PDB file of all heavy atoms in Angstrom:
ATOM      1  N   LEU A   1       6.929  -7.548  14.782  1.00  0.00           N
ATOM      2  CA  LEU A   1       5.912  -7.673  13.705  1.00  0.00           C
ATOM      3  C   LEU A   1       6.296  -6.670  12.609  1.00  0.00           C
ATOM      4  O   LEU A   1       6.684  -5.545  12.898  1.00  0.00           O
ATOM      5  CB  LEU A   1       4.488  -7.339  14.226  1.00  0.00           C
ATOM      6  CG  LEU A   1       4.011  -8.093  15.431  1.00  0.00           C
ATOM      7  CD1 LEU A   1       2.546  -7.776  15.699  1.00  0.00           C
ATOM      8  CD2 LEU A   1       4.254  -9.570  15.336  1.00  0.00           C
ATOM      9  N   MET A   2       6.192  -7.091  11.364  1.00  0.00           N
ATOM     10  CA  MET A   2       6.513  -6.232  10.238  1.00  0.00           C
ATOM     11  C   MET A   2       5.393  -6.276   9.221  1.00  0.00           C
ATOM     12  O   MET A   2       4.928  -7.361   8.790  1.00  0.00           O
ATOM     13  CB  MET A   2       7.799  -6.692   9.537  1.00  0.00           C
ATOM     14  CG  MET A   2       9.031  -6.579  10.400  1.00  0.00           C
ATOM     15  SD  MET A   2      10.490  -7.148   9.468  1.00  0.00           S
ATOM     16  CE  MET A   2      11.789  -6.806  10.684  1.00  0.00           C
ATOM     17  N   GLY A   3       4.891  -5.089   8.838  1.00  0.00           N
ATOM     18  CA  GLY A   3       3.864  -4.994   7.817  1.00  0.00           C
ATOM     19  C   GLY A   3       4.263  -3.966   6.798  1.00  0.00           C
ATOM     20  O   GLY A   3       4.747  -2.924   7.120  1.00  0.00           O
ATOM     21  N   GLY A   4       4.027  -4.288   5.525  1.00  0.00           N
ATOM     22  CA  GLY A   4       4.355  -3.327   4.465  1.00  0.00           C
ATOM     23  C   GLY A   4       3.200  -3.171   3.509  1.00  0.00           C
ATOM     24  O   GLY A   4       2.593  -4.151   3.037  1.00  0.00           O
ATOM     25  N   GLY A   5       2.813  -1.921   3.214  1.00  0.00           N
ATOM     26  CA  GLY A   5       1.746  -1.658   2.256  1.00  0.00           C
ATOM     27  C   GLY A   5       0.463  -2.269   2.711  1.00  0.00           C
ATOM     28  O   GLY A   5       0.045  -2.190   3.870  1.00  0.00           O
ATOM     29  N   ILE A   6      -0.219  -3.007   1.795  1.00  0.00           N
ATOM     30  CA  ILE A   6      -1.511  -3.623   2.112  1.00  0.00           C
ATOM     31  C   ILE A   6      -1.277  -4.885   2.931  1.00  0.00           C
ATOM     32  O   ILE A   6      -2.240  -5.538   3.368  1.00  0.00           O
ATOM     33  CB  ILE A   6      -2.299  -3.917   0.812  1.00  0.00           C
ATOM     34  CG1 ILE A   6      -3.804  -3.946   1.130  1.00  0.00           C
ATOM     35  CG2 ILE A   6      -1.801  -5.153   0.102  1.00  0.00           C
ATOM     36  CD1 ILE A   6      -4.383  -2.677   1.729  1.00  0.00           C
ATOM     37  N   GLY A   7      -0.030  -5.223   3.268  1.00  0.00           N
ATOM     38  CA  GLY A   7       0.279  -6.268   4.225  1.00  0.00           C
ATOM     39  C   GLY A   7       0.216  -5.759   5.646  1.00  0.00           C
ATOM     40  O   GLY A   7       0.414  -6.536   6.595  1.00  0.00           O
ATOM     41  N   ILE A   8      -0.090  -4.492   5.811  1.00  0.00           N
ATOM     42  CA  ILE A   8      -0.192  -3.904   7.185  1.00  0.00           C
ATOM     43  C   ILE A   8      -1.472  -4.356   7.868  1.00  0.00           C
ATOM     44  O   ILE A   8      -1.441  -4.790   9.051  1.00  0.00           O
ATOM     45  CB  ILE A   8      -0.102  -2.370   7.137  1.00  0.00           C
ATOM     46  CG1 ILE A   8       1.352  -1.951   6.768  1.00  0.00           C
ATOM     47  CG2 ILE A   8      -0.568  -1.747   8.460  1.00  0.00           C
ATOM     48  CD1 ILE A   8       1.515  -0.455   6.513  1.00  0.00           C
ATOM     49  N   PRO A   9      -2.639  -4.293   7.238  1.00  0.00           N
ATOM     50  CA  PRO A   9      -3.911  -4.610   7.934  1.00  0.00           C
ATOM     51  C   PRO A   9      -3.931  -5.951   8.663  1.00  0.00           C
ATOM     52  O   PRO A   9      -4.343  -6.003   9.809  1.00  0.00           O
ATOM     53  CB  PRO A   9      -4.943  -4.544   6.853  1.00  0.00           C
ATOM     54  CG  PRO A   9      -4.409  -3.496   5.919  1.00  0.00           C
ATOM     55  CD  PRO A   9      -2.888  -3.766   5.890  1.00  0.00           C
ATOM     56  N   PRO A  10      -3.483  -7.090   8.069  1.00  0.00           N
ATOM     57  CA  PRO A  10      -3.595  -8.354   8.792  1.00  0.00           C
ATOM     58  C   PRO A  10      -2.727  -8.422  10.021  1.00  0.00           C
ATOM     59  O   PRO A  10      -2.926  -9.280  10.884  1.00  0.00           O
ATOM     60  CB  PRO A  10      -3.188  -9.408   7.757  1.00  0.00           C
ATOM     61  CG  PRO A  10      -2.432  -8.668   6.696  1.00  0.00           C
ATOM     62  CD  PRO A  10      -3.049  -7.309   6.675  1.00  0.00           C
ATOM     63  N   MET A  11      -1.766  -7.500  10.170  1.00  0.00           N
ATOM     64  CA  MET A  11      -0.906  -7.552  11.331  1.00  0.00           C
ATOM     65  C   MET A  11      -1.606  -6.933  12.576  1.00  0.00           C
ATOM     66  O   MET A  11      -1.125  -7.121  13.692  1.00  0.00           O
ATOM     67  CB  MET A  11       0.390  -6.752  11.077  1.00  0.00           C
ATOM     68  CG  MET A  11       1.172  -7.245   9.826  1.00  0.00           C
ATOM     69  SD  MET A  11       1.473  -9.023   9.836  1.00  0.00           S
ATOM     70  CE  MET A  11       2.680  -9.182  11.148  1.00  0.00           C
ATOM     71  N   LEU A  12      -2.685  -6.206  12.363  1.00  0.00           N
ATOM     72  CA  LEU A  12      -3.402  -5.617  13.517  1.00  0.00           C
ATOM     73  C   LEU A  12      -4.031  -6.651  14.397  1.00  0.00           C
ATOM     74  O   LEU A  12      -3.890  -6.594  15.644  1.00  0.00           O
ATOM     75  CB  LEU A  12      -4.463  -4.647  13.001  1.00  0.00           C
ATOM     76  CG  LEU A  12      -5.211  -3.845  14.099  1.00  0.00           C
ATOM     77  CD1 LEU A  12      -4.237  -3.036  14.954  1.00  0.00           C
ATOM     78  CD2 LEU A  12      -6.273  -2.929  13.507  1.00  0.00           C
ATOM     79  N   GLN A  13      -4.722  -7.637  13.818  1.00  0.00           N
ATOM     80  CA  GLN A  13      -5.292  -8.725  14.642  1.00  0.00           C
ATOM     81  C   GLN A  13      -4.160  -9.510  15.307  1.00  0.00           C
ATOM     82  O   GLN A  13      -4.324  -9.919  16.518  1.00  0.00           O
ATOM     83  CB  GLN A  13      -6.106  -9.667  13.752  1.00  0.00           C
ATOM     84  CG  GLN A  13      -6.743 -10.819  14.524  1.00  0.00           C
ATOM     85  CD  GLN A  13      -7.794 -10.380  15.535  1.00  0.00           C
ATOM     86  OE1 GLN A  13      -8.399  -9.324  15.425  1.00  0.00           O
ATOM     87  NE2 GLN A  13      -8.025 -11.221  16.548  1.00  0.00           N
ATOM     88  N   LEU A  14      -3.056  -9.699  14.675  1.00  0.00           N
ATOM     89  CA  LEU A  14      -1.945 -10.392  15.268  1.00  0.00           C
ATOM     90  C   LEU A  14      -1.380  -9.583  16.452  1.00  0.00           C
ATOM     91  O   LEU A  14      -1.133 -10.142  17.530  1.00  0.00           O
ATOM     92  CB  LEU A  14      -0.816 -10.624  14.273  1.00  0.00           C
ATOM     93  CG  LEU A  14       0.462 -11.277  14.754  1.00  0.00           C
ATOM     94  CD1 LEU A  14       0.156 -12.660  15.369  1.00  0.00           C
ATOM     95  CD2 LEU A  14       1.464 -11.439  13.607  1.00  0.00           C
ATOM     96  N   ALA A  15      -1.237  -8.286  16.287  1.00  0.00           N
ATOM     97  CA  ALA A  15      -0.771  -7.414  17.358  1.00  0.00           C
ATOM     98  C   ALA A  15      -1.693  -7.489  18.567  1.00  0.00           C
ATOM     99  O   ALA A  15      -1.255  -7.570  19.750  1.00  0.00           O
ATOM    100  CB  ALA A  15      -0.620  -5.969  16.902  1.00  0.00           C
ATOM    101  N   LYS A  16      -3.004  -7.515  18.320  1.00  0.00           N
ATOM    102  CA  LYS A  16      -4.008  -7.627  19.385  1.00  0.00           C
ATOM    103  C   LYS A  16      -3.876  -8.917  20.117  1.00  0.00           C
ATOM    104  O   LYS A  16      -3.900  -8.983  21.362  1.00  0.00           O
ATOM    105  CB  LYS A  16      -5.421  -7.450  18.837  1.00  0.00           C
ATOM    106  CG  LYS A  16      -5.777  -6.058  18.385  1.00  0.00           C
ATOM    107  CD  LYS A  16      -7.165  -5.999  17.815  1.00  0.00           C
ATOM    108  CE  LYS A  16      -8.221  -6.440  18.793  1.00  0.00           C
ATOM    109  NZ  LYS A  16      -9.620  -6.280  18.215  1.00  0.00           N
ATOM    110  N   GLU A  17      -3.778 -10.027  19.394  1.00  0.00           N
ATOM    111  CA  GLU A  17      -3.719 -11.361  20.007  1.00  0.00           C
ATOM    112  C   GLU A  17      -2.424 -11.555  20.820  1.00  0.00           C
ATOM    113  O   GLU A  17      -2.438 -12.123  21.913  1.00  0.00           O
ATOM    114  CB  GLU A  17      -3.881 -12.425  18.952  1.00  0.00           C
ATOM    115  CG  GLU A  17      -5.274 -12.473  18.321  1.00  0.00           C
ATOM    116  CD  GLU A  17      -5.455 -13.601  17.350  1.00  0.00           C
ATOM    117  OE1 GLU A  17      -4.678 -14.602  17.422  1.00  0.00           O
ATOM    118  OE2 GLU A  17      -6.374 -13.563  16.549  1.00  0.00           O
ATOM    119  N   LEU A  18      -1.335 -11.052  20.303  1.00  0.00           N
ATOM    120  CA  LEU A  18      -0.080 -11.162  21.036  1.00  0.00           C
ATOM    121  C   LEU A  18      -0.106 -10.295  22.285  1.00  0.00           C
ATOM    122  O   LEU A  18       0.358 -10.726  23.368  1.00  0.00           O
ATOM    123  CB  LEU A  18       1.113 -10.745  20.154  1.00  0.00           C
ATOM    124  CG  LEU A  18       1.518 -11.749  19.060  1.00  0.00           C
ATOM    125  CD1 LEU A  18       2.467 -11.128  18.087  1.00  0.00           C
ATOM    126  CD2 LEU A  18       2.107 -13.026  19.709  1.00  0.00           C
ATOM    127  N   SER A  19      -0.665  -9.108  22.209  1.00  0.00           N
ATOM    128  CA  SER A  19      -0.789  -8.243  23.357  1.00  0.00           C
ATOM    129  C   SER A  19      -1.658  -8.885  24.394  1.00  0.00           C
ATOM    130  O   SER A  19      -1.365  -8.841  25.623  1.00  0.00           O
ATOM    131  CB  SER A  19      -1.371  -6.899  22.979  1.00  0.00           C
ATOM    132  OG  SER A  19      -1.556  -6.047  24.064  1.00  0.00           O
ATOM    133  N   GLY A  20      -2.762  -9.497  23.983  1.00  0.00           N
ATOM    134  CA  GLY A  20      -3.656 -10.184  24.903  1.00  0.00           C
ATOM    135  C   GLY A  20      -2.977 -11.403  25.579  1.00  0.00           C
ATOM    136  O   GLY A  20      -3.420 -11.770  26.684  1.00  0.00           O
ATOM    137  N   ALA A  21      -1.981 -11.943  24.942  1.00  0.00           N
ATOM    138  CA  ALA A  21      -1.253 -13.098  25.496  1.00  0.00           C
ATOM    139  C   ALA A  21      -0.054 -12.604  26.366  1.00  0.00           C
ATOM    140  O   ALA A  21       0.740 -13.449  26.836  1.00  0.00           O
ATOM    141  CB  ALA A  21      -0.753 -14.025  24.407  1.00  0.00           C
ATOM    142  N   GLY A  22       0.067 -11.269  26.536  1.00  0.00           N
ATOM    143  CA  GLY A  22       1.118 -10.718  27.382  1.00  0.00           C
ATOM    144  C   GLY A  22       2.498 -10.590  26.652  1.00  0.00           C
ATOM    145  O   GLY A  22       3.503 -10.424  27.305  1.00  0.00           O
ATOM    146  N   VAL A  23       2.499 -10.680  25.318  1.00  0.00           N
ATOM    147  CA  VAL A  23       3.748 -10.576  24.567  1.00  0.00           C
ATOM    148  C   VAL A  23       3.988  -9.104  24.223  1.00  0.00           C
ATOM    149  O   VAL A  23       3.168  -8.445  23.593  1.00  0.00           O
ATOM    150  CB  VAL A  23       3.693 -11.398  23.274  1.00  0.00           C
ATOM    151  CG1 VAL A  23       5.009 -11.302  22.514  1.00  0.00           C
ATOM    152  CG2 VAL A  23       3.349 -12.873  23.576  1.00  0.00           C
ATOM    153  N   GLU A  24       5.165  -8.616  24.617  1.00  0.00           N
ATOM    154  CA  GLU A  24       5.581  -7.230  24.258  1.00  0.00           C
ATOM    155  C   GLU A  24       6.258  -7.284  22.920  1.00  0.00           C
ATOM    156  O   GLU A  24       7.164  -8.066  22.705  1.00  0.00           O
ATOM    157  CB  GLU A  24       6.515  -6.673  25.325  1.00  0.00           C
ATOM    158  CG  GLU A  24       5.845  -6.430  26.682  1.00  0.00           C
ATOM    159  CD  GLU A  24       6.755  -5.687  27.634  1.00  0.00           C
ATOM    160  OE1 GLU A  24       7.853  -5.287  27.203  1.00  0.00           O
ATOM    161  OE2 GLU A  24       6.374  -5.567  28.789  1.00  0.00           O
ATOM    162  N   THR A  25       5.789  -6.481  21.984  1.00  0.00           N
ATOM    163  CA  THR A  25       6.297  -6.545  20.632  1.00  0.00           C
ATOM    164  C   THR A  25       6.818  -5.192  20.142  1.00  0.00           C
ATOM    165  O   THR A  25       6.355  -4.170  20.599  1.00  0.00           O
ATOM    166  CB  THR A  25       5.194  -7.030  19.627  1.00  0.00           C
ATOM    167  OG1 THR A  25       4.136  -6.067  19.677  1.00  0.00           O
ATOM    168  CG2 THR A  25       4.717  -8.403  19.987  1.00  0.00           C
ATOM    169  N   ASP A  26       7.772  -5.276  19.216  1.00  0.00           N
ATOM    170  CA  ASP A  26       8.089  -4.108  18.388  1.00  0.00           C
ATOM    171  C   ASP A  26       7.334  -4.260  17.099  1.00  0.00           C
ATOM    172  O   ASP A  26       7.331  -5.366  16.491  1.00  0.00           O
ATOM    173  CB  ASP A  26       9.587  -4.046  18.131  1.00  0.00           C
ATOM    174  CG  ASP A  26      10.396  -3.508  19.299  1.00  0.00           C
ATOM    175  OD1 ASP A  26      10.388  -2.266  19.485  1.00  0.00           O
ATOM    176  OD2 ASP A  26      10.987  -4.313  20.083  1.00  0.00           O
TER     177      ASP A  26
END
């Protein structure tokens, strides 16, 4: 997952959903 500037906030929900699905992410 990559977030830059004000593009960082929407990546938080994505990180949560992927983690909940058992996906390990950088």
